[in-house]
Amino acid sequence: MSDTSRAAETGPRTERRSLLAGGRRSVVVALLLAVLIAVLVRSLVLEVFYIPSGSMEPTLLPGDRLAVWRLGDDEPQRGDIVVFDGKGSLAPYESGKGWLAQSAEVAGAWLGVSSRDDVFVKRVIGVEGDRVACCTADGRLTVNGEPLDEPYVMPGDAPSETEFDAVVPAGRMWVQGDHRSASFDSRELLGAPGGGMIRTDSIIGRPVAVLWPLDRIGGLDD
């Protein structure tokens, strides 16, 4: 075979290999861009959280995966459901876990398959300046002397078995779970520094929808 014939055959093969290599590079770049966009969205806009307990039943159930909107710096309102960092309030500043366990916990939470011990979801009962108290003669919570209508409370639960009377200071909020008898919340911190109030700047975001399981997919009606 002449050198000219070999060159004629080698040329198309080289071109095909070049096209294939270019196609693979394009796929890899597209995948990397997709991962980068997903990371940015999860970090800055929308995050997925796993509900490990029944403290927010019947509104949220154990095993629910929540889409949590991270944008917005508006102040929490009474009745809002919020996801917040509980370090220094409902959770200790130091978990006592090793770095490997902490890394696995953070990774699982990021993937929405497990939860972090220092992240909580509760309902806002009182905001800055409110006086929150338990309870009236018929067992209802009051905010600024007005009894609360709380249709979201777990059927059969009292609004609170713990009596309290507190004024929410600036930059804080009073939170409780909807399943009052199963919730670790502001009531457990009475007498502690902060008096049971959670910092509003610890809010991570607000749940906007249940993503999983399939039979519960849908928006949240606070």
N, C-alpha and C. Protein backbone atom coordinates (compact mmCIF):
# COMPACT_ATOMS: atom_id res chain seq x y z
N MET A 1 0.86 -1.19 0.00
CA MET A 1 0.00 0.00 0.00
C MET A 1 0.89 1.23 0.00
N SER A 2 0.52 2.18 -0.83
CA SER A 2 1.34 3.38 -0.94
C SER A 2 1.13 4.30 0.24
N ASP A 3 2.10 5.20 0.42
CA ASP A 3 1.98 6.18 1.49
C ASP A 3 0.77 7.06 1.29
N THR A 4 0.43 7.30 0.04
CA THR A 4 -0.74 8.15 -0.26
C THR A 4 -2.02 7.47 0.20
N SER A 5 -2.13 6.12 -0.03
CA SER A 5 -3.32 5.38 0.38
C SER A 5 -3.44 5.35 1.90
N ARG A 6 -2.29 5.11 2.58
CA ARG A 6 -2.33 5.10 4.05
C ARG A 6 -2.80 6.45 4.59
N ALA A 7 -2.31 7.50 4.02
CA ALA A 7 -2.69 8.85 4.47
C ALA A 7 -4.17 9.08 4.25
N ALA A 8 -4.69 8.55 3.12
CA ALA A 8 -6.11 8.74 2.81
C ALA A 8 -6.98 8.03 3.83
N GLU A 9 -6.55 6.81 4.31
CA GLU A 9 -7.33 6.07 5.29
C GLU A 9 -7.17 6.64 6.70
N THR A 10 -5.95 7.06 7.01
CA THR A 10 -5.67 7.58 8.35
C THR A 10 -6.39 8.89 8.61
N GLY A 11 -6.52 9.71 7.61
CA GLY A 11 -7.16 11.02 7.77
C GLY A 11 -8.57 10.92 8.34
N PRO A 12 -9.51 10.14 7.76
CA PRO A 12 -10.87 10.03 8.31
C PRO A 12 -10.89 9.44 9.71
N ARG A 13 -9.99 8.41 9.96
CA ARG A 13 -9.98 7.81 11.29
C ARG A 13 -9.56 8.83 12.34
N THR A 14 -8.54 9.60 12.01
CA THR A 14 -8.08 10.63 12.95
C THR A 14 -9.17 11.66 13.20
N GLU A 15 -9.88 12.01 12.15
CA GLU A 15 -10.96 13.00 12.29
C GLU A 15 -12.08 12.46 13.17
N ARG A 16 -12.43 11.15 12.98
CA ARG A 16 -13.48 10.54 13.80
C ARG A 16 -13.07 10.51 15.27
N ARG A 17 -11.79 10.11 15.53
CA ARG A 17 -11.32 10.09 16.91
C ARG A 17 -11.36 11.47 17.54
N SER A 18 -11.01 12.46 16.74
CA SER A 18 -11.03 13.84 17.24
C SER A 18 -12.45 14.28 17.58
N LEU A 19 -13.41 13.89 16.71
CA LEU A 19 -14.81 14.24 16.97
C LEU A 19 -15.33 13.55 18.22
N LEU A 20 -14.96 12.25 18.38
CA LEU A 20 -15.40 11.50 19.56
C LEU A 20 -14.82 12.11 20.83
N ALA A 21 -13.53 12.45 20.78
CA ALA A 21 -12.89 13.05 21.95
C ALA A 21 -13.54 14.38 22.29
N GLY A 22 -13.82 15.16 21.24
CA GLY A 22 -14.49 16.45 21.46
C GLY A 22 -15.87 16.27 22.05
N GLY A 23 -16.60 15.23 21.58
CA GLY A 23 -17.94 14.96 22.11
C GLY A 23 -17.89 14.56 23.57
N ARG A 24 -16.90 13.73 23.93
CA ARG A 24 -16.77 13.32 25.33
C ARG A 24 -16.45 14.52 26.22
N ARG A 25 -15.56 15.37 25.73
CA ARG A 25 -15.22 16.56 26.52
C ARG A 25 -16.46 17.44 26.73
N SER A 26 -17.28 17.56 25.69
CA SER A 26 -18.50 18.38 25.81
C SER A 26 -19.45 17.81 26.85
N VAL A 27 -19.57 16.47 26.87
CA VAL A 27 -20.44 15.82 27.86
C VAL A 27 -19.92 16.05 29.26
N VAL A 28 -18.60 15.89 29.44
CA VAL A 28 -18.00 16.09 30.76
C VAL A 28 -18.19 17.52 31.23
N VAL A 29 -17.96 18.48 30.33
CA VAL A 29 -18.13 19.90 30.68
C VAL A 29 -19.58 20.18 31.05
N ALA A 30 -20.52 19.61 30.27
CA ALA A 30 -21.94 19.83 30.55
C ALA A 30 -22.32 19.25 31.92
N LEU A 31 -21.79 18.06 32.24
CA LEU A 31 -22.08 17.45 33.54
C LEU A 31 -21.50 18.28 34.68
N LEU A 32 -20.27 18.75 34.50
CA LEU A 32 -19.64 19.57 35.53
C LEU A 32 -20.41 20.87 35.75
N LEU A 33 -20.88 21.47 34.66
CA LEU A 33 -21.68 22.70 34.78
C LEU A 33 -23.00 22.42 35.50
N ALA A 34 -23.62 21.27 35.18
CA ALA A 34 -24.88 20.91 35.83
C ALA A 34 -24.67 20.72 37.33
N VAL A 35 -23.57 20.04 37.70
CA VAL A 35 -23.26 19.84 39.12
C VAL A 35 -23.01 21.17 39.80
N LEU A 36 -22.25 22.05 39.15
CA LEU A 36 -21.95 23.36 39.72
C LEU A 36 -23.22 24.17 39.94
N ILE A 37 -24.10 24.16 38.95
CA ILE A 37 -25.37 24.89 39.08
C ILE A 37 -26.20 24.32 40.22
N ALA A 38 -26.24 22.97 40.31
CA ALA A 38 -27.01 22.32 41.39
C ALA A 38 -26.45 22.71 42.76
N VAL A 39 -25.12 22.74 42.87
CA VAL A 39 -24.50 23.12 44.15
C VAL A 39 -24.83 24.56 44.50
N LEU A 40 -24.75 25.45 43.51
CA LEU A 40 -25.07 26.86 43.76
C LEU A 40 -26.52 27.04 44.17
N VAL A 41 -27.43 26.34 43.47
CA VAL A 41 -28.85 26.44 43.81
C VAL A 41 -29.09 25.93 45.22
N ARG A 42 -28.50 24.77 45.55
CA ARG A 42 -28.68 24.19 46.88
C ARG A 42 -28.07 25.08 47.96
N SER A 43 -26.97 25.75 47.65
CA SER A 43 -26.28 26.56 48.65
C SER A 43 -26.91 27.93 48.84
N LEU A 44 -27.47 28.49 47.77
CA LEU A 44 -27.91 29.88 47.82
C LEU A 44 -29.41 30.06 47.72
N VAL A 45 -30.12 29.15 47.09
CA VAL A 45 -31.53 29.39 46.77
C VAL A 45 -32.46 28.39 47.46
N LEU A 46 -32.28 27.12 47.18
CA LEU A 46 -33.21 26.10 47.64
C LEU A 46 -32.44 24.93 48.23
N GLU A 47 -32.85 24.49 49.40
CA GLU A 47 -32.17 23.37 50.05
C GLU A 47 -33.20 22.32 50.43
N VAL A 48 -32.75 21.07 50.50
CA VAL A 48 -33.64 19.97 50.87
C VAL A 48 -33.32 19.53 52.29
N PHE A 49 -34.37 19.41 53.11
CA PHE A 49 -34.19 18.97 54.49
C PHE A 49 -35.07 17.75 54.77
N TYR A 50 -34.53 16.87 55.58
CA TYR A 50 -35.20 15.63 55.97
C TYR A 50 -35.81 15.81 57.36
N ILE A 51 -37.06 15.39 57.53
CA ILE A 51 -37.74 15.48 58.82
C ILE A 51 -37.55 14.16 59.57
N PRO A 52 -36.80 14.14 60.68
CA PRO A 52 -36.50 12.89 61.37
C PRO A 52 -37.49 12.52 62.46
N SER A 53 -38.29 13.48 62.92
CA SER A 53 -39.14 13.22 64.10
C SER A 53 -40.56 13.69 63.85
N GLY A 54 -41.41 13.44 64.85
CA GLY A 54 -42.81 13.83 64.75
C GLY A 54 -43.14 15.13 65.45
N SER A 55 -42.15 15.98 65.71
CA SER A 55 -42.40 17.20 66.49
C SER A 55 -43.25 18.23 65.76
N MET A 56 -43.39 18.09 64.43
CA MET A 56 -44.23 19.03 63.68
C MET A 56 -45.48 18.36 63.11
N GLU A 57 -45.80 17.16 63.61
CA GLU A 57 -47.05 16.52 63.17
C GLU A 57 -48.25 17.34 63.65
N PRO A 58 -49.33 17.36 62.91
CA PRO A 58 -49.60 16.65 61.66
C PRO A 58 -49.18 17.41 60.41
N THR A 59 -48.59 18.61 60.56
CA THR A 59 -48.21 19.41 59.40
C THR A 59 -47.10 18.74 58.60
N LEU A 60 -46.06 18.29 59.29
CA LEU A 60 -44.93 17.60 58.68
C LEU A 60 -44.76 16.25 59.36
N LEU A 61 -44.48 15.23 58.56
CA LEU A 61 -44.39 13.87 59.09
C LEU A 61 -42.95 13.36 59.04
N PRO A 62 -42.60 12.43 59.94
CA PRO A 62 -41.27 11.83 59.88
C PRO A 62 -41.02 11.22 58.50
N GLY A 63 -39.86 11.50 57.94
CA GLY A 63 -39.53 10.99 56.61
C GLY A 63 -39.81 11.97 55.49
N ASP A 64 -40.53 13.05 55.77
CA ASP A 64 -40.77 14.07 54.74
C ASP A 64 -39.45 14.70 54.31
N ARG A 65 -39.34 14.98 53.01
CA ARG A 65 -38.23 15.78 52.49
C ARG A 65 -38.81 17.13 52.10
N LEU A 66 -38.25 18.20 52.66
CA LEU A 66 -38.77 19.54 52.44
C LEU A 66 -37.89 20.34 51.50
N ALA A 67 -38.52 21.10 50.61
CA ALA A 67 -37.81 22.13 49.86
C ALA A 67 -37.86 23.40 50.68
N VAL A 68 -36.70 23.93 51.01
CA VAL A 68 -36.61 25.11 51.88
C VAL A 68 -36.02 26.27 51.10
N TRP A 69 -36.78 27.36 51.01
CA TRP A 69 -36.37 28.55 50.28
C TRP A 69 -35.44 29.38 51.15
N ARG A 70 -34.22 29.61 50.66
CA ARG A 70 -33.20 30.29 51.46
C ARG A 70 -33.15 31.79 51.23
N LEU A 71 -33.71 32.26 50.12
CA LEU A 71 -33.61 33.68 49.79
C LEU A 71 -34.58 34.50 50.62
N GLY A 72 -34.28 35.77 50.74
CA GLY A 72 -35.18 36.67 51.46
C GLY A 72 -34.70 36.93 52.87
N ASP A 73 -34.71 38.19 53.25
CA ASP A 73 -34.27 38.54 54.59
C ASP A 73 -35.39 39.21 55.38
N ASP A 74 -36.64 38.94 54.96
CA ASP A 74 -37.77 39.52 55.68
C ASP A 74 -37.90 38.87 57.05
N GLU A 75 -38.42 39.63 57.98
CA GLU A 75 -38.55 39.15 59.34
C GLU A 75 -39.62 38.06 59.44
N PRO A 76 -39.43 37.07 60.32
CA PRO A 76 -40.45 36.03 60.48
C PRO A 76 -41.74 36.61 61.02
N GLN A 77 -42.84 36.01 60.61
CA GLN A 77 -44.17 36.43 61.07
C GLN A 77 -44.77 35.32 61.92
N ARG A 78 -45.69 35.70 62.80
CA ARG A 78 -46.40 34.69 63.59
C ARG A 78 -47.06 33.68 62.66
N GLY A 79 -46.91 32.42 62.99
CA GLY A 79 -47.51 31.36 62.19
C GLY A 79 -46.59 30.79 61.13
N ASP A 80 -45.48 31.47 60.82
CA ASP A 80 -44.53 30.95 59.84
C ASP A 80 -43.90 29.65 60.34
N ILE A 81 -43.62 28.74 59.41
CA ILE A 81 -42.77 27.59 59.71
C ILE A 81 -41.37 27.94 59.25
N VAL A 82 -40.40 27.77 60.12
CA VAL A 82 -39.02 28.13 59.78
C VAL A 82 -38.07 26.98 60.08
N VAL A 83 -37.03 26.89 59.27
CA VAL A 83 -35.91 25.98 59.52
C VAL A 83 -34.75 26.85 60.02
N PHE A 84 -34.17 26.47 61.14
CA PHE A 84 -33.12 27.31 61.71
C PHE A 84 -31.98 26.48 62.30
N ASP A 85 -30.85 27.15 62.43
CA ASP A 85 -29.66 26.56 63.05
C ASP A 85 -29.82 26.69 64.56
N GLY A 86 -29.88 25.56 65.26
CA GLY A 86 -30.14 25.58 66.69
C GLY A 86 -28.91 25.59 67.57
N LYS A 87 -27.73 25.75 66.97
CA LYS A 87 -26.51 25.77 67.79
C LYS A 87 -26.56 26.93 68.78
N GLY A 88 -26.33 26.63 70.03
CA GLY A 88 -26.35 27.66 71.06
C GLY A 88 -27.72 27.90 71.66
N SER A 89 -28.75 27.22 71.13
CA SER A 89 -30.09 27.35 71.71
C SER A 89 -30.65 25.96 71.98
N LEU A 90 -31.23 25.33 70.99
CA LEU A 90 -31.77 23.98 71.17
C LEU A 90 -30.70 22.90 71.04
N ALA A 91 -29.53 23.27 70.55
CA ALA A 91 -28.41 22.32 70.42
C ALA A 91 -27.15 22.98 70.96
N PRO A 92 -26.21 22.20 71.49
CA PRO A 92 -24.96 22.78 71.99
C PRO A 92 -24.11 23.31 70.85
N TYR A 93 -23.24 24.27 71.17
CA TYR A 93 -22.32 24.80 70.17
C TYR A 93 -21.39 23.71 69.65
N GLU A 94 -20.96 22.82 70.53
CA GLU A 94 -20.07 21.73 70.15
C GLU A 94 -20.84 20.42 70.25
N SER A 95 -20.86 19.66 69.14
CA SER A 95 -21.64 18.43 69.11
C SER A 95 -20.95 17.28 69.84
N GLY A 96 -19.61 17.34 69.96
CA GLY A 96 -18.88 16.24 70.56
C GLY A 96 -18.58 15.12 69.58
N LYS A 97 -19.03 15.26 68.32
CA LYS A 97 -18.77 14.24 67.31
C LYS A 97 -17.43 14.50 66.63
N GLY A 98 -16.82 13.42 66.14
CA GLY A 98 -15.59 13.55 65.38
C GLY A 98 -15.85 14.16 64.02
N TRP A 99 -14.76 14.59 63.36
CA TRP A 99 -14.93 15.28 62.08
C TRP A 99 -15.54 14.36 61.02
N LEU A 100 -15.23 13.05 61.09
CA LEU A 100 -15.76 12.12 60.10
C LEU A 100 -17.27 11.98 60.26
N ALA A 101 -17.73 11.84 61.50
CA ALA A 101 -19.17 11.73 61.76
C ALA A 101 -19.89 13.02 61.37
N GLN A 102 -19.27 14.15 61.68
CA GLN A 102 -19.88 15.43 61.32
C GLN A 102 -19.96 15.59 59.80
N SER A 103 -18.90 15.18 59.10
CA SER A 103 -18.89 15.29 57.64
C SER A 103 -19.97 14.41 57.02
N ALA A 104 -20.11 13.18 57.55
CA ALA A 104 -21.14 12.27 57.05
C ALA A 104 -22.53 12.83 57.31
N GLU A 105 -22.71 13.46 58.46
CA GLU A 105 -24.00 14.05 58.81
C GLU A 105 -24.35 15.20 57.87
N VAL A 106 -23.37 16.06 57.61
CA VAL A 106 -23.59 17.20 56.70
C VAL A 106 -23.88 16.71 55.29
N ALA A 107 -23.12 15.69 54.83
CA ALA A 107 -23.33 15.15 53.49
C ALA A 107 -24.72 14.53 53.36
N GLY A 108 -25.13 13.77 54.37
CA GLY A 108 -26.46 13.17 54.34
C GLY A 108 -27.55 14.21 54.33
N ALA A 109 -27.36 15.27 55.11
CA ALA A 109 -28.35 16.35 55.13
C ALA A 109 -28.40 17.07 53.79
N TRP A 110 -27.24 17.28 53.17
CA TRP A 110 -27.20 17.95 51.87
C TRP A 110 -27.94 17.14 50.81
N LEU A 111 -27.82 15.82 50.90
CA LEU A 111 -28.50 14.94 49.94
C LEU A 111 -29.97 14.73 50.29
N GLY A 112 -30.38 15.19 51.47
CA GLY A 112 -31.77 15.03 51.87
C GLY A 112 -32.13 13.63 52.32
N VAL A 113 -31.13 12.84 52.74
CA VAL A 113 -31.40 11.46 53.16
C VAL A 113 -31.27 11.28 54.67
N SER A 114 -30.77 12.29 55.34
CA SER A 114 -30.68 12.25 56.80
C SER A 114 -30.77 13.68 57.32
N SER A 115 -30.69 13.83 58.62
CA SER A 115 -30.84 15.16 59.20
C SER A 115 -29.62 15.52 60.04
N ARG A 116 -29.48 16.80 60.31
CA ARG A 116 -28.44 17.27 61.21
C ARG A 116 -29.04 17.49 62.59
N ASP A 117 -28.26 17.17 63.62
CA ASP A 117 -28.74 17.31 64.99
C ASP A 117 -28.94 18.76 65.40
N ASP A 118 -28.29 19.68 64.69
CA ASP A 118 -28.35 21.09 65.10
C ASP A 118 -29.27 21.94 64.22
N VAL A 119 -30.07 21.30 63.37
CA VAL A 119 -31.02 22.03 62.53
C VAL A 119 -32.44 21.62 62.92
N PHE A 120 -33.31 22.61 63.11
CA PHE A 120 -34.66 22.37 63.60
C PHE A 120 -35.69 23.05 62.70
N VAL A 121 -36.89 22.49 62.71
CA VAL A 121 -38.02 23.13 62.03
C VAL A 121 -39.14 23.29 63.04
N LYS A 122 -39.61 24.51 63.21
CA LYS A 122 -40.65 24.82 64.19
C LYS A 122 -41.57 25.91 63.63
N ARG A 123 -42.64 26.17 64.37
CA ARG A 123 -43.57 27.24 64.00
C ARG A 123 -43.32 28.45 64.89
N VAL A 124 -43.34 29.63 64.27
CA VAL A 124 -43.14 30.87 65.01
C VAL A 124 -44.45 31.24 65.72
N ILE A 125 -44.37 31.38 67.04
CA ILE A 125 -45.54 31.76 67.84
C ILE A 125 -45.49 33.25 68.19
N GLY A 126 -44.31 33.74 68.55
CA GLY A 126 -44.17 35.15 68.90
C GLY A 126 -42.95 35.76 68.26
N VAL A 127 -43.05 37.05 67.92
CA VAL A 127 -41.93 37.77 67.31
C VAL A 127 -41.56 38.97 68.19
N GLU A 128 -40.56 39.70 67.76
CA GLU A 128 -40.04 40.83 68.52
C GLU A 128 -41.14 41.72 69.11
N GLY A 129 -41.10 41.91 70.43
CA GLY A 129 -42.06 42.77 71.11
C GLY A 129 -43.30 42.07 71.61
N ASP A 130 -43.54 40.82 71.17
CA ASP A 130 -44.73 40.08 71.58
C ASP A 130 -44.59 39.56 73.01
N ARG A 131 -45.72 39.53 73.71
CA ARG A 131 -45.77 38.85 75.00
C ARG A 131 -46.51 37.53 74.77
N VAL A 132 -45.81 36.43 74.97
CA VAL A 132 -46.38 35.10 74.77
C VAL A 132 -46.62 34.47 76.13
N ALA A 133 -47.76 33.80 76.26
CA ALA A 133 -48.09 33.24 77.58
C ALA A 133 -48.94 31.99 77.43
N CYS A 134 -48.85 31.14 78.42
CA CYS A 134 -49.69 29.95 78.55
C CYS A 134 -50.19 29.90 79.99
N CYS A 135 -51.41 29.74 80.17
CA CYS A 135 -52.46 29.60 79.17
C CYS A 135 -53.73 30.27 79.73
N THR A 136 -54.75 30.39 78.89
CA THR A 136 -56.03 30.91 79.34
C THR A 136 -56.76 29.84 80.14
N ALA A 137 -57.92 30.21 80.69
CA ALA A 137 -58.70 29.25 81.48
C ALA A 137 -59.11 28.04 80.64
N ASP A 138 -59.30 28.26 79.33
CA ASP A 138 -59.67 27.13 78.47
C ASP A 138 -58.46 26.51 77.78
N GLY A 139 -57.24 26.84 78.27
CA GLY A 139 -56.04 26.14 77.82
C GLY A 139 -55.42 26.64 76.54
N ARG A 140 -55.67 27.88 76.13
CA ARG A 140 -55.12 28.41 74.88
C ARG A 140 -53.92 29.31 75.16
N LEU A 141 -52.97 29.32 74.22
CA LEU A 141 -51.87 30.27 74.29
C LEU A 141 -52.39 31.66 73.98
N THR A 142 -51.69 32.67 74.50
CA THR A 142 -52.04 34.05 74.16
C THR A 142 -50.80 34.78 73.65
N VAL A 143 -51.02 35.70 72.72
CA VAL A 143 -49.99 36.62 72.26
C VAL A 143 -50.54 38.02 72.44
N ASN A 144 -49.86 38.80 73.26
CA ASN A 144 -50.32 40.16 73.59
C ASN A 144 -51.73 40.16 74.16
N GLY A 145 -52.02 39.11 74.94
CA GLY A 145 -53.30 39.02 75.62
C GLY A 145 -54.42 38.43 74.79
N GLU A 146 -54.17 38.15 73.50
CA GLU A 146 -55.20 37.60 72.62
C GLU A 146 -55.02 36.09 72.47
N PRO A 147 -56.08 35.30 72.76
CA PRO A 147 -55.97 33.84 72.60
C PRO A 147 -55.70 33.46 71.14
N LEU A 148 -54.84 32.48 70.95
CA LEU A 148 -54.50 32.03 69.61
C LEU A 148 -55.44 30.93 69.14
N ASP A 149 -55.82 31.00 67.88
CA ASP A 149 -56.52 29.91 67.22
C ASP A 149 -55.46 29.08 66.51
N GLU A 150 -55.28 27.83 66.94
CA GLU A 150 -54.20 27.00 66.41
C GLU A 150 -54.73 25.68 65.84
N PRO A 151 -55.31 25.73 64.64
CA PRO A 151 -55.86 24.50 64.05
C PRO A 151 -54.79 23.49 63.65
N TYR A 152 -53.54 23.92 63.61
CA TYR A 152 -52.44 23.06 63.19
C TYR A 152 -51.91 22.17 64.31
N VAL A 153 -52.31 22.42 65.57
CA VAL A 153 -51.81 21.62 66.69
C VAL A 153 -52.29 20.18 66.57
N MET A 154 -51.43 19.25 66.93
CA MET A 154 -51.75 17.82 66.87
C MET A 154 -53.04 17.53 67.64
N PRO A 155 -54.02 16.88 66.99
CA PRO A 155 -55.26 16.54 67.70
C PRO A 155 -54.98 15.76 68.98
N GLY A 156 -55.63 16.17 70.06
CA GLY A 156 -55.44 15.52 71.35
C GLY A 156 -54.38 16.18 72.21
N ASP A 157 -53.54 17.03 71.60
CA ASP A 157 -52.51 17.74 72.36
C ASP A 157 -53.06 19.03 72.95
N ALA A 158 -52.61 19.37 74.16
CA ALA A 158 -52.87 20.70 74.70
C ALA A 158 -51.90 21.67 74.04
N PRO A 159 -52.29 22.96 73.90
CA PRO A 159 -51.36 23.94 73.32
C PRO A 159 -50.02 23.98 74.04
N SER A 160 -50.04 23.71 75.35
CA SER A 160 -48.79 23.57 76.11
C SER A 160 -49.11 23.01 77.48
N GLU A 161 -48.30 22.08 77.94
CA GLU A 161 -48.41 21.58 79.30
C GLU A 161 -47.54 22.40 80.25
N THR A 162 -46.67 23.22 79.66
CA THR A 162 -45.76 24.06 80.44
C THR A 162 -46.29 25.49 80.47
N GLU A 163 -46.39 26.06 81.65
CA GLU A 163 -46.82 27.45 81.75
C GLU A 163 -45.63 28.38 81.49
N PHE A 164 -45.91 29.50 80.84
CA PHE A 164 -44.86 30.49 80.59
C PHE A 164 -45.50 31.85 80.37
N ASP A 165 -44.70 32.86 80.55
CA ASP A 165 -45.12 34.25 80.31
C ASP A 165 -43.85 35.03 80.03
N ALA A 166 -43.64 35.39 78.77
CA ALA A 166 -42.37 36.00 78.38
C ALA A 166 -42.59 37.04 77.29
N VAL A 167 -41.70 38.01 77.25
CA VAL A 167 -41.70 39.03 76.20
C VAL A 167 -40.53 38.75 75.27
N VAL A 168 -40.81 38.72 73.97
CA VAL A 168 -39.78 38.40 72.98
C VAL A 168 -38.92 39.64 72.72
N PRO A 169 -37.61 39.56 72.98
CA PRO A 169 -36.74 40.72 72.75
C PRO A 169 -36.42 40.92 71.27
N ALA A 170 -35.76 42.03 70.99
CA ALA A 170 -35.37 42.34 69.61
C ALA A 170 -34.47 41.25 69.04
N GLY A 171 -34.71 40.91 67.77
CA GLY A 171 -33.87 39.93 67.10
C GLY A 171 -34.11 38.50 67.51
N ARG A 172 -35.24 38.24 68.18
CA ARG A 172 -35.53 36.88 68.66
C ARG A 172 -36.94 36.46 68.25
N MET A 173 -37.24 35.18 68.45
CA MET A 173 -38.58 34.65 68.19
C MET A 173 -38.84 33.51 69.16
N TRP A 174 -40.13 33.29 69.42
CA TRP A 174 -40.56 32.17 70.26
C TRP A 174 -41.14 31.11 69.33
N VAL A 175 -40.63 29.88 69.41
CA VAL A 175 -41.06 28.83 68.48
C VAL A 175 -41.56 27.60 69.24
N GLN A 176 -42.51 26.91 68.63
CA GLN A 176 -42.99 25.63 69.17
C GLN A 176 -43.32 24.70 68.02
N GLY A 177 -43.23 23.39 68.30
CA GLY A 177 -43.64 22.41 67.31
C GLY A 177 -45.15 22.24 67.34
N ASP A 178 -45.73 21.79 66.23
CA ASP A 178 -47.18 21.57 66.17
C ASP A 178 -47.61 20.38 67.02
N HIS A 179 -46.72 19.39 67.17
CA HIS A 179 -47.00 18.25 68.04
C HIS A 179 -46.44 18.61 69.42
N ARG A 180 -47.21 19.37 70.17
CA ARG A 180 -46.70 20.02 71.37
C ARG A 180 -46.14 19.05 72.40
N SER A 181 -46.76 17.89 72.54
CA SER A 181 -46.29 16.94 73.56
C SER A 181 -45.02 16.21 73.14
N ALA A 182 -44.61 16.37 71.86
CA ALA A 182 -43.43 15.66 71.37
C ALA A 182 -42.36 16.62 70.85
N SER A 183 -42.51 17.90 71.16
CA SER A 183 -41.61 18.90 70.59
C SER A 183 -40.65 19.48 71.63
N PHE A 184 -39.39 19.53 71.26
CA PHE A 184 -38.35 20.21 72.04
C PHE A 184 -38.21 21.59 71.44
N ASP A 185 -38.63 22.62 72.18
CA ASP A 185 -38.71 23.96 71.59
C ASP A 185 -38.44 25.04 72.63
N SER A 186 -38.93 26.25 72.38
CA SER A 186 -38.64 27.39 73.27
C SER A 186 -39.01 27.11 74.72
N ARG A 187 -40.03 26.30 74.94
CA ARG A 187 -40.47 26.03 76.31
C ARG A 187 -39.40 25.33 77.14
N GLU A 188 -38.54 24.56 76.45
CA GLU A 188 -37.50 23.82 77.16
C GLU A 188 -36.34 24.71 77.60
N LEU A 189 -36.31 25.93 77.10
CA LEU A 189 -35.19 26.82 77.40
C LEU A 189 -35.55 27.92 78.38
N LEU A 190 -36.72 27.82 78.98
CA LEU A 190 -37.11 28.81 79.98
C LEU A 190 -36.08 28.83 81.11
N GLY A 191 -35.60 30.00 81.46
CA GLY A 191 -34.59 30.12 82.50
C GLY A 191 -33.17 30.04 81.99
N ALA A 192 -32.99 29.61 80.74
CA ALA A 192 -31.65 29.56 80.14
C ALA A 192 -31.31 30.94 79.57
N PRO A 193 -30.04 31.20 79.26
CA PRO A 193 -29.69 32.46 78.61
C PRO A 193 -30.52 32.64 77.33
N GLY A 194 -31.15 33.79 77.20
CA GLY A 194 -32.04 34.01 76.05
C GLY A 194 -33.48 33.70 76.38
N GLY A 195 -33.71 33.00 77.49
CA GLY A 195 -35.08 32.78 77.96
C GLY A 195 -35.98 32.01 77.02
N GLY A 196 -35.42 31.13 76.21
CA GLY A 196 -36.24 30.35 75.29
C GLY A 196 -36.38 30.96 73.92
N MET A 197 -35.81 32.15 73.74
CA MET A 197 -35.94 32.84 72.46
C MET A 197 -34.86 32.40 71.48
N ILE A 198 -35.24 32.23 70.22
CA ILE A 198 -34.32 31.81 69.17
C ILE A 198 -33.94 33.04 68.34
N ARG A 199 -32.68 33.17 68.01
CA ARG A 199 -32.23 34.31 67.20
C ARG A 199 -32.84 34.25 65.80
N THR A 200 -33.36 35.36 65.32
CA THR A 200 -33.93 35.38 63.97
C THR A 200 -32.84 35.26 62.91
N ASP A 201 -31.61 35.66 63.24
CA ASP A 201 -30.54 35.53 62.24
C ASP A 201 -30.03 34.09 62.12
N SER A 202 -30.62 33.17 62.90
CA SER A 202 -30.26 31.76 62.76
C SER A 202 -31.17 31.05 61.76
N ILE A 203 -32.16 31.77 61.21
CA ILE A 203 -33.08 31.16 60.25
C ILE A 203 -32.34 30.80 58.97
N ILE A 204 -32.47 29.55 58.54
CA ILE A 204 -31.87 29.07 57.30
C ILE A 204 -32.81 29.34 56.13
N GLY A 205 -34.09 29.13 56.35
CA GLY A 205 -35.06 29.37 55.29
C GLY A 205 -36.45 28.94 55.72
N ARG A 206 -37.38 29.02 54.77
CA ARG A 206 -38.77 28.66 55.03
C ARG A 206 -39.19 27.51 54.12
N PRO A 207 -39.76 26.45 54.67
CA PRO A 207 -40.22 25.34 53.84
C PRO A 207 -41.33 25.81 52.89
N VAL A 208 -41.21 25.42 51.63
CA VAL A 208 -42.22 25.81 50.64
C VAL A 208 -42.99 24.61 50.09
N ALA A 209 -42.42 23.40 50.22
CA ALA A 209 -43.10 22.23 49.66
C ALA A 209 -42.52 20.95 50.25
N VAL A 210 -43.35 19.91 50.23
CA VAL A 210 -42.88 18.55 50.53
C VAL A 210 -42.52 17.90 49.20
N LEU A 211 -41.30 17.40 49.09
CA LEU A 211 -40.83 16.77 47.85
C LEU A 211 -40.96 15.26 47.86
N TRP A 212 -41.04 14.69 49.04
CA TRP A 212 -41.08 13.22 49.18
C TRP A 212 -41.68 12.90 50.53
N PRO A 213 -42.46 11.83 50.67
CA PRO A 213 -42.80 10.79 49.71
C PRO A 213 -43.81 11.25 48.66
N LEU A 214 -44.00 10.40 47.65
CA LEU A 214 -44.83 10.77 46.50
C LEU A 214 -46.25 11.15 46.90
N ASP A 215 -46.81 10.44 47.88
CA ASP A 215 -48.21 10.71 48.23
C ASP A 215 -48.38 11.99 49.04
N ARG A 216 -47.26 12.67 49.35
CA ARG A 216 -47.35 13.92 50.10
C ARG A 216 -46.76 15.11 49.35
N ILE A 217 -46.39 14.90 48.10
CA ILE A 217 -45.81 15.99 47.32
C ILE A 217 -46.81 17.14 47.20
N GLY A 218 -46.33 18.34 47.47
CA GLY A 218 -47.20 19.51 47.34
C GLY A 218 -46.70 20.67 48.17
N GLY A 219 -47.29 21.84 47.94
CA GLY A 219 -46.92 23.03 48.69
C GLY A 219 -47.42 22.98 50.12
N LEU A 220 -46.80 23.79 50.96
CA LEU A 220 -47.18 23.86 52.37
C LEU A 220 -48.13 25.02 52.58
N ASP A 221 -49.21 24.75 53.27
CA ASP A 221 -50.16 25.79 53.64
C ASP A 221 -49.97 26.07 55.11
N ASP A 222 -49.24 27.18 55.40
CA ASP A 222 -48.97 27.51 56.80
C ASP A 222 -50.25 27.81 57.56
